[in-house]
Amino acid sequence: GSLRLSCAASGIIFSKATMRWYRQGPGNQRLSV
């Protein structure tokens, strides 16, 4: 299946920022996706 995640940002100069998604499963370290 499919899913769409969204992230709303505020208080940051958004247009200049690099944006990232990370994930962390149970017992695992956070991984850059």
PDB file of all heavy atoms in Angstrom:
ATOM      1  N   GLY A   1       0.802  -1.209   0.000  1.00  0.00           N
ATOM      2  CA  GLY A   1       0.000   0.000   0.000  1.00  0.00           C
ATOM      3  C   GLY A   1       0.835   1.258   0.000  1.00  0.00           C
ATOM      4  O   GLY A   1       2.067   1.218  -0.060  1.00  0.00           O
ATOM      5  N   SER A   2       0.149   2.394   0.083  1.00  0.00           N
ATOM      6  CA  SER A   2       0.795   3.695   0.021  1.00  0.00           C
ATOM      7  C   SER A   2       0.358   4.575   1.180  1.00  0.00           C
ATOM      8  O   SER A   2      -0.728   4.407   1.742  1.00  0.00           O
ATOM      9  CB  SER A   2       0.465   4.408  -1.292  1.00  0.00           C
ATOM     10  OG  SER A   2       0.950   3.694  -2.410  1.00  0.00           O
ATOM     11  N   LEU A   3       1.216   5.517   1.500  1.00  0.00           N
ATOM     12  CA  LEU A   3       0.936   6.480   2.548  1.00  0.00           C
ATOM     13  C   LEU A   3       1.701   7.759   2.219  1.00  0.00           C
ATOM     14  O   LEU A   3       2.809   7.694   1.666  1.00  0.00           O
ATOM     15  CB  LEU A   3       1.374   5.932   3.901  1.00  0.00           C
ATOM     16  CG  LEU A   3       0.676   6.390   5.176  1.00  0.00           C
ATOM     17  CD1 LEU A   3      -0.815   6.065   5.127  1.00  0.00           C
ATOM     18  CD2 LEU A   3       1.321   5.709   6.382  1.00  0.00           C
ATOM     19  N   ARG A   4       1.115   8.888   2.560  1.00  0.00           N
ATOM     20  CA  ARG A   4       1.783  10.167   2.329  1.00  0.00           C
ATOM     21  C   ARG A   4       1.932  10.902   3.661  1.00  0.00           C
ATOM     22  O   ARG A   4       0.941  11.205   4.324  1.00  0.00           O
ATOM     23  CB  ARG A   4       0.986  11.030   1.349  1.00  0.00           C
ATOM     24  CG  ARG A   4       1.681  12.340   0.965  1.00  0.00           C
ATOM     25  CD  ARG A   4       0.875  13.108  -0.081  1.00  0.00           C
ATOM     26  NE  ARG A   4       1.493  14.370  -0.453  1.00  0.00           N
ATOM     27  CZ  ARG A   4       2.393  14.510  -1.417  1.00  0.00           C
ATOM     28  NH1 ARG A   4       2.789  13.466  -2.119  1.00  0.00           N
ATOM     29  NH2 ARG A   4       2.898  15.717  -1.693  1.00  0.00           N
ATOM     30  N   LEU A   5       3.170  11.179   4.029  1.00  0.00           N
ATOM     31  CA  LEU A   5       3.467  11.930   5.236  1.00  0.00           C
ATOM     32  C   LEU A   5       3.684  13.394   4.893  1.00  0.00           C
ATOM     33  O   LEU A   5       4.222  13.720   3.837  1.00  0.00           O
ATOM     34  CB  LEU A   5       4.714  11.389   5.929  1.00  0.00           C
ATOM     35  CG  LEU A   5       4.752   9.900   6.250  1.00  0.00           C
ATOM     36  CD1 LEU A   5       6.049   9.567   6.976  1.00  0.00           C
ATOM     37  CD2 LEU A   5       3.542   9.489   7.076  1.00  0.00           C
ATOM     38  N   SER A   6       3.288  14.266   5.806  1.00  0.00           N
ATOM     39  CA  SER A   6       3.509  15.690   5.634  1.00  0.00           C
ATOM     40  C   SER A   6       4.150  16.265   6.885  1.00  0.00           C
ATOM     41  O   SER A   6       3.951  15.760   7.990  1.00  0.00           O
ATOM     42  CB  SER A   6       2.196  16.423   5.350  1.00  0.00           C
ATOM     43  OG  SER A   6       1.660  16.033   4.101  1.00  0.00           O
ATOM     44  N   CYS A   7       4.912  17.315   6.701  1.00  0.00           N
ATOM     45  CA  CYS A   7       5.562  18.021   7.796  1.00  0.00           C
ATOM     46  C   CYS A   7       5.349  19.505   7.595  1.00  0.00           C
ATOM     47  O   CYS A   7       5.767  20.059   6.571  1.00  0.00           O
ATOM     48  CB  CYS A   7       7.051  17.679   7.832  1.00  0.00           C
ATOM     49  SG  CYS A   7       8.029  18.655   8.984  1.00  0.00           S
ATOM     50  N   ALA A   8       4.703  20.140   8.548  1.00  0.00           N
ATOM     51  CA  ALA A   8       4.469  21.575   8.508  1.00  0.00           C
ATOM     52  C   ALA A   8       5.506  22.280   9.368  1.00  0.00           C
ATOM     53  O   ALA A   8       5.648  21.961  10.552  1.00  0.00           O
ATOM     54  CB  ALA A   8       3.063  21.897   9.000  1.00  0.00           C
ATOM     55  N   ALA A   9       6.216  23.212   8.775  1.00  0.00           N
ATOM     56  CA  ALA A   9       7.280  23.928   9.461  1.00  0.00           C
ATOM     57  C   ALA A   9       6.868  25.361   9.754  1.00  0.00           C
ATOM     58  O   ALA A   9       6.159  25.998   8.974  1.00  0.00           O
ATOM     59  CB  ALA A   9       8.552  23.925   8.622  1.00  0.00           C
ATOM     60  N   SER A  10       7.327  25.874  10.884  1.00  0.00           N
ATOM     61  CA  SER A  10       7.113  27.268  11.235  1.00  0.00           C
ATOM     62  C   SER A  10       8.325  27.781  11.997  1.00  0.00           C
ATOM     63  O   SER A  10       9.051  27.014  12.620  1.00  0.00           O
ATOM     64  CB  SER A  10       5.840  27.447  12.064  1.00  0.00           C
ATOM     65  OG  SER A  10       5.915  26.730  13.278  1.00  0.00           O
ATOM     66  N   GLY A  11       8.542  29.082  11.934  1.00  0.00           N
ATOM     67  CA  GLY A  11       9.630  29.693  12.670  1.00  0.00           C
ATOM     68  C   GLY A  11      11.000  29.522  12.046  1.00  0.00           C
ATOM     69  O   GLY A  11      11.999  29.943  12.646  1.00  0.00           O
ATOM     70  N   ILE A  12      11.064  28.932  10.871  1.00  0.00           N
ATOM     71  CA  ILE A  12      12.319  28.673  10.185  1.00  0.00           C
ATOM     72  C   ILE A  12      12.306  29.361   8.827  1.00  0.00           C
ATOM     73  O   ILE A  12      11.239  29.568   8.241  1.00  0.00           O
ATOM     74  CB  ILE A  12      12.568  27.156  10.030  1.00  0.00           C
ATOM     75  CG1 ILE A  12      14.013  26.871   9.622  1.00  0.00           C
ATOM     76  CG2 ILE A  12      11.589  26.535   9.037  1.00  0.00           C
ATOM     77  CD1 ILE A  12      14.384  25.394   9.681  1.00  0.00           C
ATOM     78  N   ILE A  13      13.498  29.723   8.354  1.00  0.00           N
ATOM     79  CA  ILE A  13      13.615  30.262   7.001  1.00  0.00           C
ATOM     80  C   ILE A  13      13.517  29.070   6.054  1.00  0.00           C
ATOM     81  O   ILE A  13      14.518  28.500   5.622  1.00  0.00           O
ATOM     82  CB  ILE A  13      14.934  31.037   6.824  1.00  0.00           C
ATOM     83  CG1 ILE A  13      15.081  32.113   7.902  1.00  0.00           C
ATOM     84  CG2 ILE A  13      14.992  31.667   5.431  1.00  0.00           C
ATOM     85  CD1 ILE A  13      16.407  32.831   7.892  1.00  0.00           C
ATOM     86  N   PHE A  14      12.295  28.691   5.740  1.00  0.00           N
ATOM     87  CA  PHE A  14      12.021  27.412   5.098  1.00  0.00           C
ATOM     88  C   PHE A  14      12.659  27.286   3.725  1.00  0.00           C
ATOM     89  O   PHE A  14      13.198  26.235   3.378  1.00  0.00           O
ATOM     90  CB  PHE A  14      10.508  27.184   4.999  1.00  0.00           C
ATOM     91  CG  PHE A  14      10.138  25.835   4.476  1.00  0.00           C
ATOM     92  CD1 PHE A  14      10.078  24.741   5.322  1.00  0.00           C
ATOM     93  CD2 PHE A  14       9.858  25.656   3.133  1.00  0.00           C
ATOM     94  CE1 PHE A  14       9.747  23.489   4.842  1.00  0.00           C
ATOM     95  CE2 PHE A  14       9.520  24.411   2.633  1.00  0.00           C
ATOM     96  CZ  PHE A  14       9.469  23.326   3.493  1.00  0.00           C
ATOM     97  N   SER A  15      12.592  28.341   2.925  1.00  0.00           N
ATOM     98  CA  SER A  15      13.078  28.269   1.553  1.00  0.00           C
ATOM     99  C   SER A  15      14.570  27.992   1.460  1.00  0.00           C
ATOM    100  O   SER A  15      15.047  27.530   0.421  1.00  0.00           O
ATOM    101  CB  SER A  15      12.738  29.556   0.794  1.00  0.00           C
ATOM    102  OG  SER A  15      13.385  30.669   1.370  1.00  0.00           O
ATOM    103  N   LYS A  16      15.311  28.261   2.522  1.00  0.00           N
ATOM    104  CA  LYS A  16      16.753  28.037   2.544  1.00  0.00           C
ATOM    105  C   LYS A  16      17.147  26.730   3.230  1.00  0.00           C
ATOM    106  O   LYS A  16      18.318  26.342   3.195  1.00  0.00           O
ATOM    107  CB  LYS A  16      17.457  29.193   3.262  1.00  0.00           C
ATOM    108  CG  LYS A  16      17.265  30.550   2.602  1.00  0.00           C
ATOM    109  CD  LYS A  16      18.029  30.639   1.296  1.00  0.00           C
ATOM    110  CE  LYS A  16      17.977  32.051   0.735  1.00  0.00           C
ATOM    111  NZ  LYS A  16      18.735  32.153  -0.543  1.00  0.00           N
ATOM    112  N   ALA A  17      16.199  26.065   3.843  1.00  0.00           N
ATOM    113  CA  ALA A  17      16.501  24.890   4.658  1.00  0.00           C
ATOM    114  C   ALA A  17      16.517  23.603   3.842  1.00  0.00           C
ATOM    115  O   ALA A  17      15.688  23.408   2.953  1.00  0.00           O
ATOM    116  CB  ALA A  17      15.483  24.768   5.784  1.00  0.00           C
ATOM    117  N   THR A  18      17.458  22.736   4.171  1.00  0.00           N
ATOM    118  CA  THR A  18      17.401  21.360   3.694  1.00  0.00           C
ATOM    119  C   THR A  18      16.452  20.589   4.604  1.00  0.00           C
ATOM    120  O   THR A  18      16.583  20.638   5.825  1.00  0.00           O
ATOM    121  CB  THR A  18      18.789  20.714   3.714  1.00  0.00           C
ATOM    122  OG1 THR A  18      19.615  21.353   2.739  1.00  0.00           O
ATOM    123  CG2 THR A  18      18.704  19.227   3.381  1.00  0.00           C
ATOM    124  N   MET A  19      15.502  19.902   4.004  1.00  0.00           N
ATOM    125  CA  MET A  19      14.508  19.155   4.763  1.00  0.00           C
ATOM    126  C   MET A  19      14.769  17.664   4.633  1.00  0.00           C
ATOM    127  O   MET A  19      15.142  17.179   3.559  1.00  0.00           O
ATOM    128  CB  MET A  19      13.098  19.482   4.270  1.00  0.00           C
ATOM    129  CG  MET A  19      12.751  20.965   4.337  1.00  0.00           C
ATOM    130  SD  MET A  19      12.847  21.641   6.020  1.00  0.00           S
ATOM    131  CE  MET A  19      11.548  20.689   6.835  1.00  0.00           C
ATOM    132  N   ARG A  20      14.539  16.942   5.727  1.00  0.00           N
ATOM    133  CA  ARG A  20      14.860  15.524   5.767  1.00  0.00           C
ATOM    134  C   ARG A  20      13.753  14.718   6.431  1.00  0.00           C
ATOM    135  O   ARG A  20      13.006  15.222   7.260  1.00  0.00           O
ATOM    136  CB  ARG A  20      16.162  15.286   6.548  1.00  0.00           C
ATOM    137  CG  ARG A  20      17.343  16.089   6.043  1.00  0.00           C
ATOM    138  CD  ARG A  20      18.582  15.832   6.896  1.00  0.00           C
ATOM    139  NE  ARG A  20      19.672  16.737   6.535  1.00  0.00           N
ATOM    140  CZ  ARG A  20      20.554  16.508   5.571  1.00  0.00           C
ATOM    141  NH1 ARG A  20      20.496  15.389   4.855  1.00  0.00           N
ATOM    142  NH2 ARG A  20      21.501  17.397   5.316  1.00  0.00           N
ATOM    143  N   TRP A  21      13.684  13.446   6.061  1.00  0.00           N
ATOM    144  CA  TRP A  21      12.876  12.472   6.766  1.00  0.00           C
ATOM    145  C   TRP A  21      13.784  11.384   7.314  1.00  0.00           C
ATOM    146  O   TRP A  21      14.612  10.834   6.590  1.00  0.00           O
ATOM    147  CB  TRP A  21      11.819  11.839   5.855  1.00  0.00           C
ATOM    148  CG  TRP A  21      10.676  12.736   5.542  1.00  0.00           C
ATOM    149  CD1 TRP A  21      10.499  13.490   4.428  1.00  0.00           C
ATOM    150  CD2 TRP A  21       9.531  12.967   6.375  1.00  0.00           C
ATOM    151  NE1 TRP A  21       9.319  14.178   4.490  1.00  0.00           N
ATOM    152  CE2 TRP A  21       8.702  13.877   5.673  1.00  0.00           C
ATOM    153  CE3 TRP A  21       9.129  12.489   7.627  1.00  0.00           C
ATOM    154  CZ2 TRP A  21       7.487  14.320   6.195  1.00  0.00           C
ATOM    155  CZ3 TRP A  21       7.926  12.939   8.141  1.00  0.00           C
ATOM    156  CH2 TRP A  21       7.125  13.837   7.434  1.00  0.00           C
ATOM    157  N   TYR A  22      13.625  11.103   8.592  1.00  0.00           N
ATOM    158  CA  TYR A  22      14.304  10.013   9.265  1.00  0.00           C
ATOM    159  C   TYR A  22      13.261   9.013   9.741  1.00  0.00           C
ATOM    160  O   TYR A  22      12.079   9.338   9.841  1.00  0.00           O
ATOM    161  CB  TYR A  22      15.091  10.515  10.479  1.00  0.00           C
ATOM    162  CG  TYR A  22      16.404  11.210  10.173  1.00  0.00           C
ATOM    163  CD1 TYR A  22      16.432  12.476   9.624  1.00  0.00           C
ATOM    164  CD2 TYR A  22      17.612  10.584  10.471  1.00  0.00           C
ATOM    165  CE1 TYR A  22      17.632  13.117   9.362  1.00  0.00           C
ATOM    166  CE2 TYR A  22      18.818  11.216  10.223  1.00  0.00           C
ATOM    167  CZ  TYR A  22      18.815  12.485   9.668  1.00  0.00           C
ATOM    168  OH  TYR A  22      20.014  13.102   9.422  1.00  0.00           O
ATOM    169  N   ARG A  23      13.712   7.807  10.057  1.00  0.00           N
ATOM    170  CA  ARG A  23      12.811   6.844  10.678  1.00  0.00           C
ATOM    171  C   ARG A  23      13.571   6.038  11.722  1.00  0.00           C
ATOM    172  O   ARG A  23      14.787   5.877  11.649  1.00  0.00           O
ATOM    173  CB  ARG A  23      12.155   5.921   9.651  1.00  0.00           C
ATOM    174  CG  ARG A  23      13.082   4.911   8.994  1.00  0.00           C
ATOM    175  CD  ARG A  23      12.339   4.166   7.894  1.00  0.00           C
ATOM    176  NE  ARG A  23      13.155   3.127   7.282  1.00  0.00           N
ATOM    177  CZ  ARG A  23      12.821   2.486   6.168  1.00  0.00           C
ATOM    178  NH1 ARG A  23      11.675   2.780   5.544  1.00  0.00           N
ATOM    179  NH2 ARG A  23      13.618   1.546   5.681  1.00  0.00           N
ATOM    180  N   GLN A  24      12.821   5.541  12.681  1.00  0.00           N
ATOM    181  CA  GLN A  24      13.401   4.743  13.749  1.00  0.00           C
ATOM    182  C   GLN A  24      12.430   3.634  14.132  1.00  0.00           C
ATOM    183  O   GLN A  24      11.341   3.903  14.634  1.00  0.00           O
ATOM    184  CB  GLN A  24      13.727   5.603  14.965  1.00  0.00           C
ATOM    185  CG  GLN A  24      14.450   4.866  16.072  1.00  0.00           C
ATOM    186  CD  GLN A  24      14.947   5.796  17.159  1.00  0.00           C
ATOM    187  OE1 GLN A  24      14.496   6.930  17.277  1.00  0.00           O
ATOM    188  NE2 GLN A  24      15.893   5.332  17.953  1.00  0.00           N
ATOM    189  N   GLY A  25      12.822   2.388  13.876  1.00  0.00           N
ATOM    190  CA  GLY A  25      12.034   1.246  14.280  1.00  0.00           C
ATOM    191  C   GLY A  25      12.376   0.834  15.694  1.00  0.00           C
ATOM    192  O   GLY A  25      13.346   1.324  16.284  1.00  0.00           O
ATOM    193  N   PRO A  26      11.589  -0.078  16.277  1.00  0.00           N
ATOM    194  CA  PRO A  26      11.841  -0.538  17.647  1.00  0.00           C
ATOM    195  C   PRO A  26      13.240  -1.125  17.807  1.00  0.00           C
ATOM    196  O   PRO A  26      13.640  -2.013  17.043  1.00  0.00           O
ATOM    197  CB  PRO A  26      10.771  -1.604  17.866  1.00  0.00           C
ATOM    198  CG  PRO A  26       9.696  -1.269  16.882  1.00  0.00           C
ATOM    199  CD  PRO A  26      10.419  -0.731  15.685  1.00  0.00           C
ATOM    200  N   GLY A  27      13.989  -0.622  18.758  1.00  0.00           N
ATOM    201  CA  GLY A  27      15.320  -1.127  19.027  1.00  0.00           C
ATOM    202  C   GLY A  27      16.390  -0.702  18.044  1.00  0.00           C
ATOM    203  O   GLY A  27      17.537  -1.154  18.150  1.00  0.00           O
ATOM    204  N   ASN A  28      16.049   0.147  17.088  1.00  0.00           N
ATOM    205  CA  ASN A  28      17.000   0.596  16.073  1.00  0.00           C
ATOM    206  C   ASN A  28      17.355   2.065  16.252  1.00  0.00           C
ATOM    207  O   ASN A  28      16.635   2.830  16.878  1.00  0.00           O
ATOM    208  CB  ASN A  28      16.428   0.378  14.673  1.00  0.00           C
ATOM    209  CG  ASN A  28      16.221  -1.072  14.339  1.00  0.00           C
ATOM    210  OD1 ASN A  28      16.980  -1.935  14.783  1.00  0.00           O
ATOM    211  ND2 ASN A  28      15.188  -1.355  13.553  1.00  0.00           N
ATOM    212  N   GLN A  29      18.487   2.446  15.654  1.00  0.00           N
ATOM    213  CA  GLN A  29      18.880   3.842  15.648  1.00  0.00           C
ATOM    214  C   GLN A  29      18.126   4.601  14.555  1.00  0.00           C
ATOM    215  O   GLN A  29      17.620   4.001  13.609  1.00  0.00           O
ATOM    216  CB  GLN A  29      20.384   3.971  15.436  1.00  0.00           C
ATOM    217  CG  GLN A  29      21.225   3.414  16.563  1.00  0.00           C
ATOM    218  CD  GLN A  29      22.691   3.737  16.403  1.00  0.00           C
ATOM    219  OE1 GLN A  29      23.058   4.888  16.133  1.00  0.00           O
ATOM    220  NE2 GLN A  29      23.530   2.743  16.568  1.00  0.00           N
ATOM    221  N   ARG A  30      18.058   5.888  14.710  1.00  0.00           N
ATOM    222  CA  ARG A  30      17.402   6.720  13.729  1.00  0.00           C
ATOM    223  C   ARG A  30      18.195   6.717  12.420  1.00  0.00           C
ATOM    224  O   ARG A  30      19.414   6.891  12.419  1.00  0.00           O
ATOM    225  CB  ARG A  30      17.261   8.137  14.269  1.00  0.00           C
ATOM    226  CG  ARG A  30      16.207   8.968  13.582  1.00  0.00           C
ATOM    227  CD  ARG A  30      15.904  10.236  14.377  1.00  0.00           C
ATOM    228  NE  ARG A  30      15.255   9.941  15.651  1.00  0.00           N
ATOM    229  CZ  ARG A  30      14.755  10.864  16.463  1.00  0.00           C
ATOM    230  NH1 ARG A  30      14.835  12.148  16.132  1.00  0.00           N
ATOM    231  NH2 ARG A  30      14.187  10.512  17.598  1.00  0.00           N
ATOM    232  N   LEU A  31      17.485   6.503  11.308  1.00  0.00           N
ATOM    233  CA  LEU A  31      18.092   6.364   9.992  1.00  0.00           C
ATOM    234  C   LEU A  31      17.571   7.447   9.059  1.00  0.00           C
ATOM    235  O   LEU A  31      16.364   7.682   8.987  1.00  0.00           O
ATOM    236  CB  LEU A  31      17.765   4.983   9.413  1.00  0.00           C
ATOM    237  CG  LEU A  31      18.099   4.711   7.941  1.00  0.00           C
ATOM    238  CD1 LEU A  31      19.606   4.604   7.765  1.00  0.00           C
ATOM    239  CD2 LEU A  31      17.406   3.444   7.476  1.00  0.00           C
ATOM    240  N   SER A  32      18.480   8.069   8.339  1.00  0.00           N
ATOM    241  CA  SER A  32      18.089   9.050   7.334  1.00  0.00           C
ATOM    242  C   SER A  32      17.475   8.334   6.132  1.00  0.00           C
ATOM    243  O   SER A  32      18.093   7.446   5.550  1.00  0.00           O
ATOM    244  CB  SER A  32      19.293   9.880   6.889  1.00  0.00           C
ATOM    245  OG  SER A  32      18.923  10.808   5.886  1.00  0.00           O
ATOM    246  N   VAL A  33      16.260   8.723   5.760  1.00  0.00           N
ATOM    247  CA  VAL A  33      15.528   8.088   4.675  1.00  0.00           C
ATOM    248  C   VAL A  33      15.591   8.909   3.397  1.00  0.00           C
ATOM    249  O   VAL A  33      15.819   8.373   2.308  1.00  0.00           O
ATOM    250  CB  VAL A  33      14.060   7.852   5.084  1.00  0.00           C
ATOM    251  CG1 VAL A  33      13.248   7.333   3.906  1.00  0.00           C
ATOM    252  CG2 VAL A  33      13.993   6.880   6.255  1.00  0.00           C
TER     253      VAL A  33
END
